[in-house]
Every structure is written in structure tokens, then in C-alpha cells.
């Protein structure tokens, strides 16, 4: 959210941060919407280390926001349009049957910020 700056010191070039948080896939690679409207990755592409929201998606995330999921239900999501950072730090395995926790977290966060 600070274009690579931390405590007044430039850690990364702003161009580097922009490249990391932008779609870096060629246009001929299809989006991950193989499950139709319920696809968990619909509307997403990939930057350098994060998933990037590029179009409409099932969680209603803002286009231009980005995130990453960890194996044990850990998650971070950054939305520059609302100047918001969401972080879930859990250690729940297996996490695949607990995605409703992330859905509720996003719903609460986005209702509170929009």
C-alpha cells in the first residue's frame, strides 16, 4: 500500500511492487474459471508471488486487489482501493473444508470497508 516504502525508507522500487501485484500471465493462457460461476479462482490471474483479481469473482473482491492462501487456512488479501489489508493466521489442517471461515472473514471485512 506504500509502493515499496516502509517507515519512510524505500525498500522496493515502486515499479517492482507494481509488477509484483499485476497480472504477469500472457493473454493466451485462459483464466481459471473451469467450474463456471462457482469457481474459486474465477476472475483471477497471477502476479509475481500473488494472485491478482482481474475481473468479476465469486467473493466480490475489488479488481486490482491481490492475495495469497497458505496451506493451513492462512491468508492475506490487500485491497488498494479501500486501503485495506486482511490477514488470517491459523494453523488448521486440513483447511479445504473450512473455506467458509475465509468467506465470512471477507464478508465482514468488505462490509466494514465499503
Protein backbone atom coordinates (compact mmCIF):
# COMPACT_ATOMS: atom_id res chain seq x y z
CA UNK A 1 0.00 0.00 0.00
CA UNK A 2 3.01 2.28 0.30
CA UNK A 3 4.55 1.46 -3.09
CA UNK A 4 7.56 -0.27 -1.56
CA UNK A 5 8.17 2.22 1.24
CA UNK A 6 8.43 1.20 4.90
CA UNK A 7 8.79 3.70 7.75
CA UNK A 8 9.85 6.40 5.31
CA UNK A 9 12.55 4.28 3.66
CA UNK A 10 12.20 2.93 0.09
CA UNK A 11 12.68 -0.87 0.36
CA UNK A 12 11.50 -1.81 -3.15
CA UNK A 13 11.15 0.37 -6.22
CA UNK A 14 7.53 1.32 -6.83
CA UNK A 15 7.84 -0.17 -10.34
CA UNK A 16 8.85 -3.52 -8.77
CA UNK A 17 5.83 -3.50 -6.46
CA UNK A 18 3.53 -2.66 -9.38
CA UNK A 19 4.97 -5.56 -11.42
CA UNK A 20 4.60 -7.97 -8.47
CA UNK A 21 0.92 -7.06 -7.99
CA UNK A 22 -0.12 -7.02 -11.66
CA UNK A 23 -1.11 -9.85 -13.98
CA UNK A 24 2.04 -11.35 -15.49
CA UNK A 25 0.42 -14.15 -17.48
CA UNK A 26 0.17 -13.97 -21.27
CA UNK A 27 -3.31 -13.29 -22.63
CA UNK A 28 -3.43 -16.69 -24.37
CA UNK A 29 -3.44 -18.52 -21.01
CA UNK A 30 -7.13 -18.85 -20.02
CA UNK A 31 -8.45 -17.67 -16.69
CA UNK A 32 -9.14 -20.31 -14.06
CA UNK A 33 -12.92 -20.46 -14.47
CA UNK A 34 -13.23 -24.17 -15.20
CA UNK A 35 -16.04 -24.60 -12.65
CA UNK A 36 -18.21 -21.82 -14.03
CA UNK A 37 -19.71 -19.23 -11.68
CA UNK A 38 -18.74 -21.17 -8.56
CA UNK A 39 -15.05 -21.48 -9.47
CA UNK A 40 -12.89 -20.49 -6.52
CA UNK A 41 -10.38 -18.79 -8.81
CA UNK A 42 -12.74 -17.12 -11.28
CA UNK A 43 -11.54 -13.67 -12.26
CA UNK A 44 -8.01 -14.24 -11.03
CA UNK A 45 -4.63 -14.17 -12.72
CA UNK A 46 -1.14 -14.25 -11.25
CA UNK A 47 1.49 -11.64 -10.45
CA UNK A 48 4.95 -12.34 -9.11
CA UNK A 49 4.09 -14.10 -5.85
CA UNK A 50 0.40 -13.23 -5.52
CA UNK A 51 -2.95 -13.95 -7.12
CA UNK A 52 -4.38 -10.82 -8.74
CA UNK A 53 -8.09 -10.04 -9.12
CA UNK A 54 -8.58 -9.02 -12.77
CA UNK A 55 -12.35 -9.32 -13.29
CA UNK A 56 -15.60 -10.25 -11.56
CA UNK A 57 -15.20 -13.00 -8.97
CA UNK A 58 -17.33 -15.00 -6.59
CA UNK A 59 -16.14 -13.22 -3.43
CA UNK A 60 -16.80 -9.78 -4.93
CA UNK A 61 -13.21 -8.61 -4.40
CA UNK A 62 -12.17 -5.34 -5.96
CA UNK A 63 -10.42 -5.55 -9.30
CA UNK A 64 -6.75 -4.79 -8.68
CA UNK A 65 -6.66 -6.37 -5.24
CA UNK A 66 -4.32 -9.29 -4.60
CA UNK A 67 -3.84 -12.12 -2.11
CA UNK A 68 -2.28 -15.45 -1.29
CA UNK A 69 -3.52 -18.54 0.58
CA UNK A 70 -1.44 -20.80 2.78
CA UNK A 71 -1.89 -24.50 3.43
CA UNK A 72 -3.23 -24.23 6.99
CA UNK A 73 -6.03 -21.69 6.30
CA UNK A 74 -3.61 -18.76 6.45
CA UNK A 75 -4.48 -15.93 4.11
CA UNK A 76 -3.66 -12.35 3.31
CA UNK A 77 -5.52 -10.02 1.00
CA UNK A 78 -4.59 -6.44 0.07
CA UNK A 79 -7.12 -4.09 -1.49
CA UNK A 80 -5.55 -0.80 -2.59
CA UNK A 81 -8.96 0.66 -3.49
CA UNK A 82 -10.05 0.57 0.16
CA UNK A 83 -6.54 0.87 1.64
CA UNK A 84 -7.22 -2.42 3.45
CA UNK A 85 -5.15 -5.40 4.47
CA UNK A 86 -6.84 -8.60 5.70
CA UNK A 87 -4.76 -11.27 7.42
CA UNK A 88 -5.81 -14.66 8.77
CA UNK A 89 -3.16 -16.57 10.69
CA UNK A 90 -4.42 -20.00 11.63
CA UNK A 91 -2.97 -23.46 11.77
CA UNK A 92 -5.91 -25.64 10.82
CA UNK A 93 -5.30 -28.75 8.74
CA UNK A 94 -6.91 -29.89 6.57
CA UNK A 95 -8.19 -26.46 5.63
CA UNK A 96 -10.15 -27.40 2.50
CA UNK A 97 -13.38 -27.98 4.45
CA UNK A 98 -13.05 -24.66 6.35
CA UNK A 99 -13.19 -22.17 3.47
CA UNK A 100 -16.41 -20.78 4.97
CA UNK A 101 -14.18 -19.13 7.60
CA UNK A 102 -12.37 -17.17 4.90
CA UNK A 103 -15.67 -16.31 3.17
CA UNK A 104 -17.10 -14.96 6.45
CA UNK A 105 -13.89 -13.03 7.13
CA UNK A 106 -14.03 -11.33 3.73
CA UNK A 107 -17.73 -10.59 4.05
CA UNK A 108 -17.17 -8.94 7.42
CA UNK A 109 -14.14 -7.01 6.20
CA UNK A 110 -15.68 -5.78 2.98
CA UNK A 111 -18.97 -4.79 4.62
CA UNK A 112 -16.96 -2.77 7.11
CA UNK A 113 -14.86 -1.03 4.45
CA UNK A 114 -17.24 -0.28 1.60
